[in-house]
Amino acid sequence: FELDSARRRLARDGAERHLTPKAFQLLEILVAAAPRVV
């Protein structure tokens, strides 16, 4: 997986995976905080 915040894009092996804006934001928060429990 690749998480591209600038383009608001999550991709697996280059293929985009759909996330709603709020779910994308949640993933960004968890990844940025890893491995901390948020």
All heavy atoms as atom14 arrays in JSON, in Angstrom:
{
  "sequence": "FELDSARRRLARDGAERHLTPKAFQLLEILVAAAPRVV",
  "atom14_mask": [
    [1, 1, 1, 1, 1, 1, 1, 1, 1, 1, 1, 0, 0, 0],
    [1, 1, 1, 1, 1, 1, 1, 1, 1, 0, 0, 0, 0, 0],
    [1, 1, 1, 1, 1, 1, 1, 1, 0, 0, 0, 0, 0, 0],
    [1, 1, 1, 1, 1, 1, 1, 1, 0, 0, 0, 0, 0, 0],
    [1, 1, 1, 1, 1, 1, 0, 0, 0, 0, 0, 0, 0, 0],
    [1, 1, 1, 1, 1, 0, 0, 0, 0, 0, 0, 0, 0, 0],
    [1, 1, 1, 1, 1, 1, 1, 1, 1, 1, 1, 0, 0, 0],
    [1, 1, 1, 1, 1, 1, 1, 1, 1, 1, 1, 0, 0, 0],
    [1, 1, 1, 1, 1, 1, 1, 1, 1, 1, 1, 0, 0, 0],
    [1, 1, 1, 1, 1, 1, 1, 1, 0, 0, 0, 0, 0, 0],
    [1, 1, 1, 1, 1, 0, 0, 0, 0, 0, 0, 0, 0, 0],
    [1, 1, 1, 1, 1, 1, 1, 1, 1, 1, 1, 0, 0, 0],
    [1, 1, 1, 1, 1, 1, 1, 1, 0, 0, 0, 0, 0, 0],
    [1, 1, 1, 1, 0, 0, 0, 0, 0, 0, 0, 0, 0, 0],
    [1, 1, 1, 1, 1, 0, 0, 0, 0, 0, 0, 0, 0, 0],
    [1, 1, 1, 1, 1, 1, 1, 1, 1, 0, 0, 0, 0, 0],
    [1, 1, 1, 1, 1, 1, 1, 1, 1, 1, 1, 0, 0, 0],
    [1, 1, 1, 1, 1, 1, 1, 1, 1, 1, 0, 0, 0, 0],
    [1, 1, 1, 1, 1, 1, 1, 1, 0, 0, 0, 0, 0, 0],
    [1, 1, 1, 1, 1, 1, 1, 0, 0, 0, 0, 0, 0, 0],
    [1, 1, 1, 1, 1, 1, 1, 0, 0, 0, 0, 0, 0, 0],
    [1, 1, 1, 1, 1, 1, 1, 1, 1, 0, 0, 0, 0, 0],
    [1, 1, 1, 1, 1, 0, 0, 0, 0, 0, 0, 0, 0, 0],
    [1, 1, 1, 1, 1, 1, 1, 1, 1, 1, 1, 0, 0, 0],
    [1, 1, 1, 1, 1, 1, 1, 1, 1, 0, 0, 0, 0, 0],
    [1, 1, 1, 1, 1, 1, 1, 1, 0, 0, 0, 0, 0, 0],
    [1, 1, 1, 1, 1, 1, 1, 1, 0, 0, 0, 0, 0, 0],
    [1, 1, 1, 1, 1, 1, 1, 1, 1, 0, 0, 0, 0, 0],
    [1, 1, 1, 1, 1, 1, 1, 1, 0, 0, 0, 0, 0, 0],
    [1, 1, 1, 1, 1, 1, 1, 1, 0, 0, 0, 0, 0, 0],
    [1, 1, 1, 1, 1, 1, 1, 0, 0, 0, 0, 0, 0, 0],
    [1, 1, 1, 1, 1, 0, 0, 0, 0, 0, 0, 0, 0, 0],
    [1, 1, 1, 1, 1, 0, 0, 0, 0, 0, 0, 0, 0, 0],
    [1, 1, 1, 1, 1, 0, 0, 0, 0, 0, 0, 0, 0, 0],
    [1, 1, 1, 1, 1, 1, 1, 0, 0, 0, 0, 0, 0, 0],
    [1, 1, 1, 1, 1, 1, 1, 1, 1, 1, 1, 0, 0, 0],
    [1, 1, 1, 1, 1, 1, 1, 0, 0, 0, 0, 0, 0, 0],
    [1, 1, 1, 1, 1, 1, 1, 0, 0, 0, 0, 0, 0, 0]
  ],
  "atom14_positions": [
    [[0.82, -1.22, 0.0], [0.0, 0.0, 0.0], [0.85, 1.26, 0.0], [1.96, 1.3, 0.53], [-0.92, 0.02, 1.23], [-2.02, -1.0, 1.19], [-1.86, -2.22, 1.82], [-3.19, -0.75, 0.5], [-2.86, -3.18, 1.78], [-4.21, -1.7, 0.46], [-4.04, -2.91, 1.1], [0.0, 0.0, 0.0], [0.0, 0.0, 0.0], [0.0, 0.0, 0.0]],
    [[0.26, 2.31, -0.59], [0.87, 3.63, -0.62], [-0.21, 4.66, -0.28], [-1.29, 4.64, -0.87], [1.45, 3.91, -2.0], [2.1, 5.26, -2.16], [2.66, 5.45, -3.55], [1.91, 5.89, -4.44], [3.86, 5.14, -3.75], [0.0, 0.0, 0.0], [0.0, 0.0, 0.0], [0.0, 0.0, 0.0], [0.0, 0.0, 0.0], [0.0, 0.0, 0.0]],
    [[0.09, 5.53, 0.68], [-0.86, 6.55, 1.12], [-0.35, 7.91, 0.69], [0.65, 8.4, 1.2], [-1.01, 6.49, 2.65], [-2.06, 7.41, 3.28], [-3.47, 7.01, 2.85], [-1.94, 7.36, 4.81], [0.0, 0.0, 0.0], [0.0, 0.0, 0.0], [0.0, 0.0, 0.0], [0.0, 0.0, 0.0], [0.0, 0.0, 0.0], [0.0, 0.0, 0.0]],
    [[-1.03, 8.51, -0.27], [-0.61, 9.78, -0.86], [-1.56, 10.88, -0.37], [-2.65, 11.07, -0.92], [-0.64, 9.68, -2.39], [-0.05, 10.92, -3.06], [0.05, 11.97, -2.41], [0.3, 10.82, -4.25], [0.0, 0.0, 0.0], [0.0, 0.0, 0.0], [0.0, 0.0, 0.0], [0.0, 0.0, 0.0], [0.0, 0.0, 0.0], [0.0, 0.0, 0.0]],
    [[-1.15, 11.63, 0.66], [-2.01, 12.66, 1.23], [-2.21, 13.82, 0.27], [-3.28, 14.44, 0.25], [-1.43, 13.17, 2.55], [-1.46, 12.15, 3.53], [0.0, 0.0, 0.0], [0.0, 0.0, 0.0], [0.0, 0.0, 0.0], [0.0, 0.0, 0.0], [0.0, 0.0, 0.0], [0.0, 0.0, 0.0], [0.0, 0.0, 0.0], [0.0, 0.0, 0.0]],
    [[-1.19, 14.16, -0.5], [-1.29, 15.31, -1.41], [-2.4, 15.1, -2.44], [-3.13, 16.03, -2.79], [0.04, 15.54, -2.12], [0.0, 0.0, 0.0], [0.0, 0.0, 0.0], [0.0, 0.0, 0.0], [0.0, 0.0, 0.0], [0.0, 0.0, 0.0], [0.0, 0.0, 0.0], [0.0, 0.0, 0.0], [0.0, 0.0, 0.0], [0.0, 0.0, 0.0]],
    [[-2.54, 13.86, -2.91], [-3.57, 13.56, -3.92], [-4.79, 12.87, -3.31], [-5.7, 12.46, -4.04], [-2.98, 12.69, -5.03], [-1.93, 13.41, -5.87], [-1.57, 12.61, -7.1], [-0.89, 11.37, -6.78], [-0.67, 10.38, -7.65], [-1.11, 10.49, -8.89], [-0.01, 9.29, -7.27], [0.0, 0.0, 0.0], [0.0, 0.0, 0.0], [0.0, 0.0, 0.0]],
    [[-4.8, 12.75, -1.96], [-5.91, 12.09, -1.26], [-6.17, 10.72, -1.88], [-7.29, 10.37, -2.25], [-7.19, 12.93, -1.32], [-7.02, 14.39, -0.96], [-6.6, 14.58, 0.47], [-7.62, 14.18, 1.43], [-7.45, 14.2, 2.75], [-6.28, 14.55, 3.26], [-8.41, 13.84, 3.55], [0.0, 0.0, 0.0], [0.0, 0.0, 0.0], [0.0, 0.0, 0.0]],
    [[-5.13, 9.88, -1.95], [-5.21, 8.62, -2.69], [-4.57, 7.49, -1.9], [-3.44, 7.61, -1.41], [-4.52, 8.77, -4.05], [-4.58, 7.57, -4.96], [-3.95, 7.93, -6.29], [-4.05, 6.85, -7.26], [-3.12, 5.9, -7.45], [-2.0, 5.94, -6.72], [-3.29, 4.96, -8.35], [0.0, 0.0, 0.0], [0.0, 0.0, 0.0], [0.0, 0.0, 0.0]],
    [[-5.29, 6.38, -1.76], [-4.76, 5.13, -1.22], [-4.68, 4.14, -2.37], [-5.66, 3.95, -3.1], [-5.66, 4.58, -0.11], [-5.31, 3.17, 0.41], [-4.0, 3.18, 1.18], [-6.45, 2.62, 1.27], [0.0, 0.0, 0.0], [0.0, 0.0, 0.0], [0.0, 0.0, 0.0], [0.0, 0.0, 0.0], [0.0, 0.0, 0.0], [0.0, 0.0, 0.0]],
    [[-3.52, 3.51, -2.53], [-3.35, 2.57, -3.64], [-2.71, 1.28, -3.14], [-1.89, 1.3, -2.22], [-2.5, 3.18, -4.75], [0.0, 0.0, 0.0], [0.0, 0.0, 0.0], [0.0, 0.0, 0.0], [0.0, 0.0, 0.0], [0.0, 0.0, 0.0], [0.0, 0.0, 0.0], [0.0, 0.0, 0.0], [0.0, 0.0, 0.0], [0.0, 0.0, 0.0]],
    [[-3.11, 0.18, -3.75], [-2.47, -1.12, -3.51], [-1.87, -1.59, -4.82], [-2.59, -1.75, -5.81], [-3.46, -2.15, -2.99], [-2.81, -3.53, -2.86], [-3.66, -4.53, -2.14], [-2.94, -5.79, -2.05], [-3.06, -6.69, -1.07], [-3.9, -6.46, -0.08], [-2.36, -7.8, -1.08], [0.0, 0.0, 0.0], [0.0, 0.0, 0.0], [0.0, 0.0, 0.0]],
    [[-0.55, -1.77, -4.84], [0.16, -2.18, -6.06], [-0.21, -1.26, -7.23], [-0.38, -1.7, -8.37], [-0.14, -3.63, -6.4], [0.38, -4.6, -5.35], [1.46, -4.33, -4.79], [-0.3, -5.61, -5.07], [0.0, 0.0, 0.0], [0.0, 0.0, 0.0], [0.0, 0.0, 0.0], [0.0, 0.0, 0.0], [0.0, 0.0, 0.0], [0.0, 0.0, 0.0]],
    [[-0.37, 0.03, -6.93], [-0.65, 1.01, -7.96], [-2.11, 1.2, -8.29], [-2.48, 2.17, -8.97], [0.0, 0.0, 0.0], [0.0, 0.0, 0.0], [0.0, 0.0, 0.0], [0.0, 0.0, 0.0], [0.0, 0.0, 0.0], [0.0, 0.0, 0.0], [0.0, 0.0, 0.0], [0.0, 0.0, 0.0], [0.0, 0.0, 0.0], [0.0, 0.0, 0.0]],
    [[-2.99, 0.29, -7.83], [-4.42, 0.39, -8.11], [-5.11, 1.13, -6.96], [-4.96, 0.76, -5.79], [-5.03, -0.99, -8.29], [0.0, 0.0, 0.0], [0.0, 0.0, 0.0], [0.0, 0.0, 0.0], [0.0, 0.0, 0.0], [0.0, 0.0, 0.0], [0.0, 0.0, 0.0], [0.0, 0.0, 0.0], [0.0, 0.0, 0.0], [0.0, 0.0, 0.0]],
    [[-5.89, 2.14, -7.28], [-6.52, 2.97, -6.26], [-7.58, 2.2, -5.49], [-8.36, 1.43, -6.05], [-7.13, 4.21, -6.88], [-7.7, 5.19, -5.87], [-8.06, 6.52, -6.47], [-7.83, 6.72, -7.69], [-8.58, 7.38, -5.73], [0.0, 0.0, 0.0], [0.0, 0.0, 0.0], [0.0, 0.0, 0.0], [0.0, 0.0, 0.0], [0.0, 0.0, 0.0]],
    [[-7.62, 2.42, -4.17], [-8.65, 1.88, -3.3], [-9.52, 3.04, -2.81], [-8.99, 4.03, -2.3], [-8.03, 1.15, -2.1], [-7.29, -0.14, -2.46], [-8.29, -1.19, -2.94], [-7.68, -2.43, -3.32], [-7.53, -3.48, -2.49], [-7.92, -3.39, -1.23], [-6.98, -4.59, -2.92], [0.0, 0.0, 0.0], [0.0, 0.0, 0.0], [0.0, 0.0, 0.0]],
    [[-10.82, 2.9, -2.95], [-11.71, 4.0, -2.6], [-11.88, 4.12, -1.09], [-12.07, 3.13, -0.39], [-13.08, 3.8, -3.23], [-14.09, 4.84, -2.81], [-14.03, 6.14, -3.25], [-15.14, 4.77, -1.94], [-15.02, 6.83, -2.69], [-15.7, 6.03, -1.89], [0.0, 0.0, 0.0], [0.0, 0.0, 0.0], [0.0, 0.0, 0.0], [0.0, 0.0, 0.0]],
    [[-11.8, 5.36, -0.6], [-12.13, 5.7, 0.77], [-12.89, 7.01, 0.76], [-12.54, 7.93, 0.02], [-10.87, 5.87, 1.63], [-10.15, 4.62, 2.14], [-8.87, 5.03, 2.85], [-11.05, 3.83, 3.09], [0.0, 0.0, 0.0], [0.0, 0.0, 0.0], [0.0, 0.0, 0.0], [0.0, 0.0, 0.0], [0.0, 0.0, 0.0], [0.0, 0.0, 0.0]],
    [[-13.92, 7.12, 1.58], [-14.59, 8.4, 1.74], [-13.62, 9.38, 2.4], [-12.64, 8.96, 3.04], [-15.85, 8.26, 2.61], [-15.47, 7.78, 3.91], [-16.86, 7.31, 1.98], [0.0, 0.0, 0.0], [0.0, 0.0, 0.0], [0.0, 0.0, 0.0], [0.0, 0.0, 0.0], [0.0, 0.0, 0.0], [0.0, 0.0, 0.0], [0.0, 0.0, 0.0]],
    [[-13.84, 10.69, 2.25], [-12.89, 11.67, 2.82], [-12.64, 11.47, 4.31], [-11.5, 11.58, 4.78], [-13.57, 13.01, 2.54], [-14.37, 12.76, 1.3], [-14.88, 11.35, 1.44], [0.0, 0.0, 0.0], [0.0, 0.0, 0.0], [0.0, 0.0, 0.0], [0.0, 0.0, 0.0], [0.0, 0.0, 0.0], [0.0, 0.0, 0.0], [0.0, 0.0, 0.0]],
    [[-13.68, 11.17, 5.07], [-13.5, 11.04, 6.52], [-12.72, 9.76, 6.86], [-11.89, 9.76, 7.79], [-14.86, 11.04, 7.21], [-14.8, 11.3, 8.69], [-14.24, 12.67, 9.04], [-15.16, 13.79, 8.68], [-14.66, 15.1, 9.16], [0.0, 0.0, 0.0], [0.0, 0.0, 0.0], [0.0, 0.0, 0.0], [0.0, 0.0, 0.0], [0.0, 0.0, 0.0]],
    [[-12.94, 8.67, 6.12], [-12.19, 7.44, 6.36], [-10.72, 7.64, 5.98], [-9.82, 7.13, 6.66], [-12.8, 6.29, 5.56], [0.0, 0.0, 0.0], [0.0, 0.0, 0.0], [0.0, 0.0, 0.0], [0.0, 0.0, 0.0], [0.0, 0.0, 0.0], [0.0, 0.0, 0.0], [0.0, 0.0, 0.0], [0.0, 0.0, 0.0], [0.0, 0.0, 0.0]],
    [[-10.48, 8.39, 4.91], [-9.1, 8.69, 4.51], [-8.41, 9.48, 5.62], [-7.25, 9.21, 5.97], [-9.09, 9.47, 3.21], [-7.72, 9.62, 2.6], [-7.25, 8.73, 1.66], [-6.89, 10.67, 2.99], [-5.97, 8.86, 1.12], [-5.61, 10.8, 2.46], [-5.16, 9.9, 1.51], [0.0, 0.0, 0.0], [0.0, 0.0, 0.0], [0.0, 0.0, 0.0]],
    [[-9.12, 10.45, 6.19], [-8.55, 11.25, 7.28], [-8.23, 10.37, 8.49], [-7.19, 10.54, 9.13], [-9.52, 12.36, 7.67], [-8.96, 13.31, 8.72], [-9.98, 14.36, 9.14], [-11.1, 14.42, 8.63], [-9.6, 15.2, 10.08], [0.0, 0.0, 0.0], [0.0, 0.0, 0.0], [0.0, 0.0, 0.0], [0.0, 0.0, 0.0], [0.0, 0.0, 0.0]],
    [[-9.11, 9.42, 8.81], [-8.85, 8.51, 9.92], [-7.59, 7.71, 9.67], [-6.74, 7.58, 10.57], [-10.04, 7.57, 10.11], [-9.82, 6.41, 11.1], [-9.55, 6.94, 12.51], [-11.02, 5.48, 11.11], [0.0, 0.0, 0.0], [0.0, 0.0, 0.0], [0.0, 0.0, 0.0], [0.0, 0.0, 0.0], [0.0, 0.0, 0.0], [0.0, 0.0, 0.0]],
    [[-7.43, 7.19, 8.46], [-6.23, 6.42, 8.14], [-4.98, 7.29, 8.26], [-3.96, 6.85, 8.79], [-6.35, 5.82, 6.74], [-5.15, 4.98, 6.25], [-4.87, 3.83, 7.21], [-5.41, 4.45, 4.85], [0.0, 0.0, 0.0], [0.0, 0.0, 0.0], [0.0, 0.0, 0.0], [0.0, 0.0, 0.0], [0.0, 0.0, 0.0], [0.0, 0.0, 0.0]],
    [[-5.05, 8.52, 7.78], [-3.91, 9.43, 7.91], [-3.53, 9.62, 9.39], [-2.34, 9.6, 9.73], [-4.27, 10.79, 7.33], [-4.22, 10.88, 5.82], [-4.48, 12.3, 5.35], [-5.49, 12.9, 5.78], [-3.67, 12.81, 4.55], [0.0, 0.0, 0.0], [0.0, 0.0, 0.0], [0.0, 0.0, 0.0], [0.0, 0.0, 0.0], [0.0, 0.0, 0.0]],
    [[-4.52, 9.83, 10.24], [-4.25, 10.05, 11.66], [-3.58, 8.83, 12.29], [-2.58, 8.95, 13.01], [-5.57, 10.38, 12.4], [-6.12, 11.74, 11.95], [-5.35, 10.37, 13.93], [-7.52, 12.01, 12.45], [0.0, 0.0, 0.0], [0.0, 0.0, 0.0], [0.0, 0.0, 0.0], [0.0, 0.0, 0.0], [0.0, 0.0, 0.0], [0.0, 0.0, 0.0]],
    [[-4.12, 7.65, 12.0], [-3.56, 6.43, 12.6], [-2.15, 6.15, 12.1], [-1.27, 5.75, 12.87], [-4.49, 5.25, 12.29], [-5.88, 5.29, 12.93], [-6.71, 4.1, 12.48], [-5.78, 5.33, 14.45], [0.0, 0.0, 0.0], [0.0, 0.0, 0.0], [0.0, 0.0, 0.0], [0.0, 0.0, 0.0], [0.0, 0.0, 0.0], [0.0, 0.0, 0.0]],
    [[-1.91, 6.35, 10.78], [-0.58, 6.11, 10.22], [0.43, 7.1, 10.81], [1.54, 6.72, 11.19], [-0.62, 6.21, 8.69], [0.8, 6.25, 8.11], [-1.38, 5.03, 8.09], [0.0, 0.0, 0.0], [0.0, 0.0, 0.0], [0.0, 0.0, 0.0], [0.0, 0.0, 0.0], [0.0, 0.0, 0.0], [0.0, 0.0, 0.0], [0.0, 0.0, 0.0]],
    [[0.05, 8.38, 10.91], [0.96, 9.39, 11.45], [1.31, 9.13, 12.91], [2.41, 9.44, 13.36], [0.35, 10.77, 11.28], [0.0, 0.0, 0.0], [0.0, 0.0, 0.0], [0.0, 0.0, 0.0], [0.0, 0.0, 0.0], [0.0, 0.0, 0.0], [0.0, 0.0, 0.0], [0.0, 0.0, 0.0], [0.0, 0.0, 0.0], [0.0, 0.0, 0.0]],
    [[0.37, 8.54, 13.65], [0.57, 8.29, 15.08], [1.23, 6.95, 15.37], [1.64, 6.7, 16.5], [-0.76, 8.36, 15.83], [0.0, 0.0, 0.0], [0.0, 0.0, 0.0], [0.0, 0.0, 0.0], [0.0, 0.0, 0.0], [0.0, 0.0, 0.0], [0.0, 0.0, 0.0], [0.0, 0.0, 0.0], [0.0, 0.0, 0.0], [0.0, 0.0, 0.0]],
    [[1.29, 6.05, 14.38], [1.77, 4.68, 14.59], [3.15, 4.67, 15.26], [4.0, 5.51, 14.97], [1.84, 3.96, 13.25], [0.0, 0.0, 0.0], [0.0, 0.0, 0.0], [0.0, 0.0, 0.0], [0.0, 0.0, 0.0], [0.0, 0.0, 0.0], [0.0, 0.0, 0.0], [0.0, 0.0, 0.0], [0.0, 0.0, 0.0], [0.0, 0.0, 0.0]],
    [[3.34, 3.73, 16.21], [2.43, 2.66, 16.65], [1.56, 3.04, 17.86], [0.99, 2.18, 18.49], [3.4, 1.54, 17.02], [4.58, 2.29, 17.59], [4.69, 3.57, 16.79], [0.0, 0.0, 0.0], [0.0, 0.0, 0.0], [0.0, 0.0, 0.0], [0.0, 0.0, 0.0], [0.0, 0.0, 0.0], [0.0, 0.0, 0.0], [0.0, 0.0, 0.0]],
    [[1.5, 4.32, 18.16], [0.74, 4.77, 19.33], [-0.75, 4.43, 19.2], [-1.31, 4.53, 18.11], [0.89, 6.29, 19.49], [0.09, 6.89, 20.63], [0.44, 8.37, 20.82], [-0.08, 9.2, 19.75], [-1.27, 9.78, 19.75], [-2.1, 9.57, 20.77], [-1.65, 10.55, 18.75], [0.0, 0.0, 0.0], [0.0, 0.0, 0.0], [0.0, 0.0, 0.0]],
    [[-1.36, 4.06, 20.31], [-2.8, 3.88, 20.35], [-3.44, 5.27, 20.43], [-3.15, 6.04, 21.34], [-3.24, 3.04, 21.56], [-4.76, 2.94, 21.63], [-2.62, 1.64, 21.49], [0.0, 0.0, 0.0], [0.0, 0.0, 0.0], [0.0, 0.0, 0.0], [0.0, 0.0, 0.0], [0.0, 0.0, 0.0], [0.0, 0.0, 0.0], [0.0, 0.0, 0.0]],
    [[-4.3, 5.58, 19.47], [-4.97, 6.88, 19.46], [-6.3, 6.73, 20.18], [-7.17, 5.97, 19.73], [-5.2, 7.37, 18.02], [-5.8, 8.78, 18.04], [-3.9, 7.36, 17.22], [0.0, 0.0, 0.0], [0.0, 0.0, 0.0], [0.0, 0.0, 0.0], [0.0, 0.0, 0.0], [0.0, 0.0, 0.0], [0.0, 0.0, 0.0], [0.0, 0.0, 0.0]]
  ]
}
